[in-house]
Amino acid sequence: MSPHKAPDSSRRSDRSRRAIHDAALALVGEVGYTRTTIEGIAARAGVGKQTIYRWWPSKAAVLMEAFLDMSARRSAEAAEAAGGGGEAAYAIPDTGDLAADLKLVLRATVDELNDPAMEAPTRALTAEGIIDPPLGAQFVENLLEPQLQLYVTRLRAAQEAGEVREDIDPRVALELLIAPLTHRWLLRTLPLTHAYADSVVDHALRGLLPRP
C-alpha cells in the first residue's frame, strides 16, 4: 500500500488565490466597485473572508492583483498566439511606417478599453488610485509605465530613422497619442472608436514629423 500523501498546500493556495481573483473581477463587472465587498468576494470564491484578509489588506489590493494577473495572462496568450515572447506580443511594431504602426497599437488600445472584462476594473483602479496614492503608484508602476515605455522606444527609433523631429521629447510626444483616448474613455463624452484612434495619430504626427 502506498504511503498517504499530505495535501499540497501551495497548490491549494494557488487555486484559492485564482478563485479570489476571478471573483473580484466578476463582481466589479456585475455590481460595480462600490458595491463589491470582501464578504462578497469570499462568498463568490468559496473561501472564508479571513483567507482574503490574510493575503490582502483591502478589496482594492485584491482587485489590483487580480487585474495585473489577468493582464499578464492575456499577454501570455497573445504571445503564444503570435509565436513569440510576452514582450514581443505587446511591443509596438516597427515596419518603417510610423503612422501605420501607431494606428495598429491605438486601435488595440481602443478594443481593450471597450472590453467589458477590462473596462470595469480599469475604471475602478483609476478612480481608487486618485484617493489612495500608494495604490495609484502601484497601478502606474506595474501596468501603465511598462506600456508607456513601449511608445518611448518606438518614437526614439523613429527619431533615429529621421521619421520624427530630433527636438521632440518622446515622453511628451506619447501623451499626444494616449491622453486623448484616455480623456474620451474616462468622460464617456463620445464613442471610442478605431476611426478616432486613427485621427489622433494623424493629428499628433502633424506636430511630430520633420518640417519641410
Protein backbone atom coordinates (compact mmCIF):
# COMPACT_ATOMS: atom_id res chain seq x y z
CA MET A 1 0.00 0.00 0.00
CA SER A 2 1.42 3.36 -0.98
CA PRO A 3 2.02 5.85 1.85
CA HIS A 4 -0.58 8.59 2.34
CA LYS A 5 0.49 11.90 0.79
CA ALA A 6 -0.17 15.15 2.60
CA PRO A 7 -2.24 17.69 0.65
CA ASP A 8 -0.19 20.15 -1.37
CA SER A 9 -0.88 23.42 0.42
CA SER A 10 0.82 25.51 -2.27
CA ARG A 11 -1.48 24.15 -4.98
CA ARG A 12 -4.50 24.70 -2.75
CA SER A 13 -3.37 28.27 -2.12
CA ASP A 14 -2.91 28.87 -5.85
CA ARG A 15 -6.42 27.59 -6.56
CA SER A 16 -7.88 29.77 -3.82
CA ARG A 17 -5.96 32.82 -4.99
CA ARG A 18 -7.13 32.36 -8.58
CA ALA A 19 -10.72 31.85 -7.40
CA ILE A 20 -10.49 35.09 -5.39
CA HIS A 21 -9.05 36.94 -8.39
CA ASP A 22 -11.84 35.70 -10.64
CA ALA A 23 -14.49 36.54 -8.06
CA ALA A 24 -13.21 40.10 -7.57
CA LEU A 25 -13.11 40.80 -11.31
CA ALA A 26 -16.55 39.29 -11.86
CA LEU A 27 -18.20 41.23 -9.04
CA VAL A 28 -16.71 44.56 -10.09
CA GLY A 29 -18.06 43.95 -13.56
CA GLU A 30 -21.50 42.91 -12.33
CA VAL A 31 -22.27 45.24 -9.42
CA GLY A 32 -19.55 47.92 -9.62
CA TYR A 33 -16.62 48.64 -7.36
CA THR A 34 -18.59 50.44 -4.63
CA ARG A 35 -20.93 47.50 -4.06
CA THR A 36 -18.16 44.92 -4.21
CA THR A 37 -17.14 43.78 -0.73
CA ILE A 38 -14.62 41.41 0.81
CA GLU A 39 -17.54 39.32 2.05
CA GLY A 40 -18.98 39.16 -1.45
CA ILE A 41 -15.65 38.18 -2.97
CA ALA A 42 -15.16 35.47 -0.34
CA ALA A 43 -18.64 34.03 -0.90
CA ARG A 44 -18.18 34.06 -4.68
CA ALA A 45 -14.76 32.38 -4.41
CA GLY A 46 -15.90 29.82 -1.84
CA VAL A 47 -13.38 30.85 0.80
CA GLY A 48 -13.56 32.48 4.23
CA LYS A 49 -13.08 36.23 4.35
CA GLN A 50 -10.20 35.73 6.78
CA THR A 51 -8.36 33.97 3.95
CA ILE A 52 -8.62 37.15 1.92
CA TYR A 53 -7.55 39.39 4.80
CA ARG A 54 -4.57 37.11 5.39
CA TRP A 55 -3.29 37.86 1.87
CA TRP A 56 -4.59 41.37 1.14
CA PRO A 57 -5.32 44.45 3.28
CA SER A 58 -8.30 45.68 1.25
CA LYS A 59 -10.60 44.96 -1.67
CA ALA A 60 -8.59 47.48 -3.73
CA ALA A 61 -5.46 45.38 -3.18
CA VAL A 62 -7.36 42.24 -4.22
CA LEU A 63 -8.60 43.91 -7.38
CA MET A 64 -5.16 45.30 -8.21
CA GLU A 65 -3.51 41.89 -8.02
CA ALA A 66 -6.39 40.25 -9.90
CA PHE A 67 -6.17 42.84 -12.67
CA LEU A 68 -2.40 42.53 -13.00
CA ASP A 69 -2.72 38.75 -13.09
CA MET A 70 -5.40 38.96 -15.81
CA SER A 71 -3.23 41.34 -17.84
CA ALA A 72 -0.26 39.00 -17.54
CA ARG A 73 -2.33 36.02 -18.66
CA ARG A 74 -3.68 37.95 -21.64
CA SER A 75 -0.15 38.94 -22.57
CA ALA A 76 0.99 35.32 -22.38
CA GLU A 77 -1.95 34.19 -24.51
CA ALA A 78 -1.21 36.88 -27.08
CA ALA A 79 2.45 35.88 -27.11
CA GLU A 80 1.55 32.23 -27.65
CA ALA A 81 -0.82 33.13 -30.48
CA ALA A 82 1.90 35.26 -32.09
CA GLY A 83 4.52 32.57 -31.56
CA GLY A 84 6.80 34.91 -29.62
CA GLY A 85 7.68 36.08 -26.13
CA GLY A 86 5.46 38.12 -23.82
CA GLU A 87 7.28 41.36 -24.58
CA ALA A 88 7.03 40.82 -28.32
CA ALA A 89 3.27 40.42 -28.04
CA TYR A 90 2.83 43.97 -26.81
CA ALA A 91 5.79 45.70 -28.44
CA ILE A 92 4.88 48.42 -30.90
CA PRO A 93 5.81 47.13 -34.36
CA ASP A 94 8.48 48.87 -36.40
CA THR A 95 7.58 48.33 -40.04
CA GLY A 96 9.09 51.60 -41.21
CA ASP A 97 5.62 53.20 -41.37
CA LEU A 98 5.23 55.07 -38.08
CA ALA A 99 1.65 56.15 -38.70
CA ALA A 100 0.51 52.61 -39.52
CA ASP A 101 2.34 51.17 -36.51
CA LEU A 102 0.83 53.69 -34.09
CA LYS A 103 -2.67 53.24 -35.53
CA LEU A 104 -2.39 49.48 -35.09
CA VAL A 105 -1.47 49.83 -31.42
CA LEU A 106 -4.01 52.55 -30.63
CA ARG A 107 -6.77 50.50 -32.25
CA ALA A 108 -5.80 47.60 -29.98
CA THR A 109 -5.92 50.02 -27.03
CA VAL A 110 -9.44 51.08 -28.04
CA ASP A 111 -10.52 47.43 -28.16
CA GLU A 112 -9.04 46.82 -24.72
CA LEU A 113 -10.66 49.87 -23.14
CA ASN A 114 -14.02 48.90 -24.64
CA ASP A 115 -13.72 45.28 -23.47
CA PRO A 116 -16.19 44.85 -20.54
CA ALA A 117 -13.78 42.47 -18.80
CA MET A 118 -11.10 45.17 -18.76
CA GLU A 119 -13.19 48.33 -18.52
CA ALA A 120 -14.79 47.87 -15.09
CA PRO A 121 -11.60 47.04 -13.14
CA THR A 122 -9.59 49.66 -15.03
CA ARG A 123 -12.11 52.38 -14.14
CA ALA A 124 -12.26 51.19 -10.53
CA LEU A 125 -8.48 51.17 -10.09
CA THR A 126 -8.10 54.52 -11.86
CA ALA A 127 -10.62 56.13 -9.53
CA GLU A 128 -9.33 54.41 -6.39
CA GLY A 129 -5.76 55.38 -7.26
CA ILE A 130 -6.72 59.05 -7.04
CA ILE A 131 -7.74 58.78 -3.38
CA ASP A 132 -5.21 56.07 -2.49
CA PRO A 133 -1.79 57.35 -3.68
CA PRO A 134 0.15 54.13 -2.87
CA LEU A 135 -2.36 52.11 -4.88
CA GLY A 136 -2.20 54.63 -7.70
CA ALA A 137 1.59 54.45 -7.71
CA GLN A 138 1.45 50.67 -7.90
CA PHE A 139 -1.01 50.84 -10.79
CA VAL A 140 1.28 53.20 -12.70
CA GLU A 141 4.49 51.30 -11.92
CA ASN A 142 3.24 47.79 -12.66
CA LEU A 143 0.85 48.39 -15.54
CA LEU A 144 0.97 51.84 -17.15
CA GLU A 145 4.69 52.59 -17.10
CA PRO A 146 5.79 49.44 -18.97
CA GLN A 147 3.24 50.22 -21.69
CA LEU A 148 4.31 53.86 -21.94
CA GLN A 149 7.93 52.83 -22.32
CA LEU A 150 6.98 50.94 -25.48
CA TYR A 151 5.92 54.24 -27.04
CA VAL A 152 9.15 55.90 -25.93
CA THR A 153 11.17 53.12 -27.53
CA ARG A 154 9.23 53.30 -30.82
CA LEU A 155 9.37 57.11 -31.02
CA ARG A 156 13.11 57.13 -30.34
CA ALA A 157 13.61 54.61 -33.12
CA ALA A 158 11.59 56.90 -35.38
CA GLN A 159 13.84 59.80 -34.42
CA GLU A 160 16.94 57.79 -35.31
CA ALA A 161 15.36 56.92 -38.66
CA GLY A 162 14.54 60.56 -39.37
CA GLU A 163 10.80 59.96 -39.21
CA VAL A 164 10.29 62.24 -36.20
CA ARG A 165 11.85 65.60 -35.38
CA GLU A 166 15.04 65.40 -33.37
CA ASP A 167 13.92 68.09 -30.92
CA ILE A 168 10.80 66.34 -29.65
CA ASP A 169 10.70 64.66 -26.26
CA PRO A 170 9.30 61.12 -26.77
CA ARG A 171 7.89 61.13 -23.26
CA VAL A 172 5.83 64.24 -24.02
CA ALA A 173 5.01 63.09 -27.54
CA LEU A 174 3.45 59.83 -26.37
CA GLU A 175 0.94 61.83 -24.32
CA LEU A 176 -0.34 63.38 -27.55
CA LEU A 177 -1.36 59.84 -28.51
CA ILE A 178 -2.51 58.35 -25.22
CA ALA A 179 -4.16 61.30 -23.46
CA PRO A 180 -6.98 61.93 -26.00
CA LEU A 181 -8.08 58.29 -25.85
CA THR A 182 -7.95 58.26 -22.06
CA HIS A 183 -9.88 61.53 -21.82
CA ARG A 184 -12.68 60.32 -24.09
CA TRP A 185 -12.81 56.95 -22.34
CA LEU A 186 -12.90 58.41 -18.82
CA LEU A 187 -15.56 61.03 -19.53
CA ARG A 188 -17.61 58.94 -21.97
CA THR A 189 -18.16 62.13 -23.97
CA LEU A 190 -18.19 60.40 -27.37
CA PRO A 191 -17.71 56.83 -28.60
CA LEU A 192 -14.16 55.49 -28.50
CA THR A 193 -13.60 54.02 -31.98
CA HIS A 194 -10.88 52.92 -34.36
CA ALA A 195 -11.62 55.94 -36.54
CA TYR A 196 -10.99 58.24 -33.59
CA ALA A 197 -7.71 56.47 -32.82
CA ASP A 198 -6.61 56.94 -36.43
CA SER A 199 -7.44 60.64 -36.31
CA VAL A 200 -5.47 61.08 -33.09
CA VAL A 201 -2.40 59.61 -34.78
CA ASP A 202 -2.86 61.82 -37.85
CA HIS A 203 -3.20 64.99 -35.75
CA ALA A 204 -0.29 64.12 -33.45
CA LEU A 205 2.08 63.33 -36.28
CA ARG A 206 1.47 66.73 -37.87
CA GLY A 207 3.38 68.16 -34.94
CA LEU A 208 5.97 65.39 -34.65
CA LEU A 209 7.11 64.85 -38.23
CA PRO A 210 10.13 66.71 -39.59
CA ARG A 211 9.25 70.11 -41.00
CA PRO A 212 9.94 70.82 -44.70
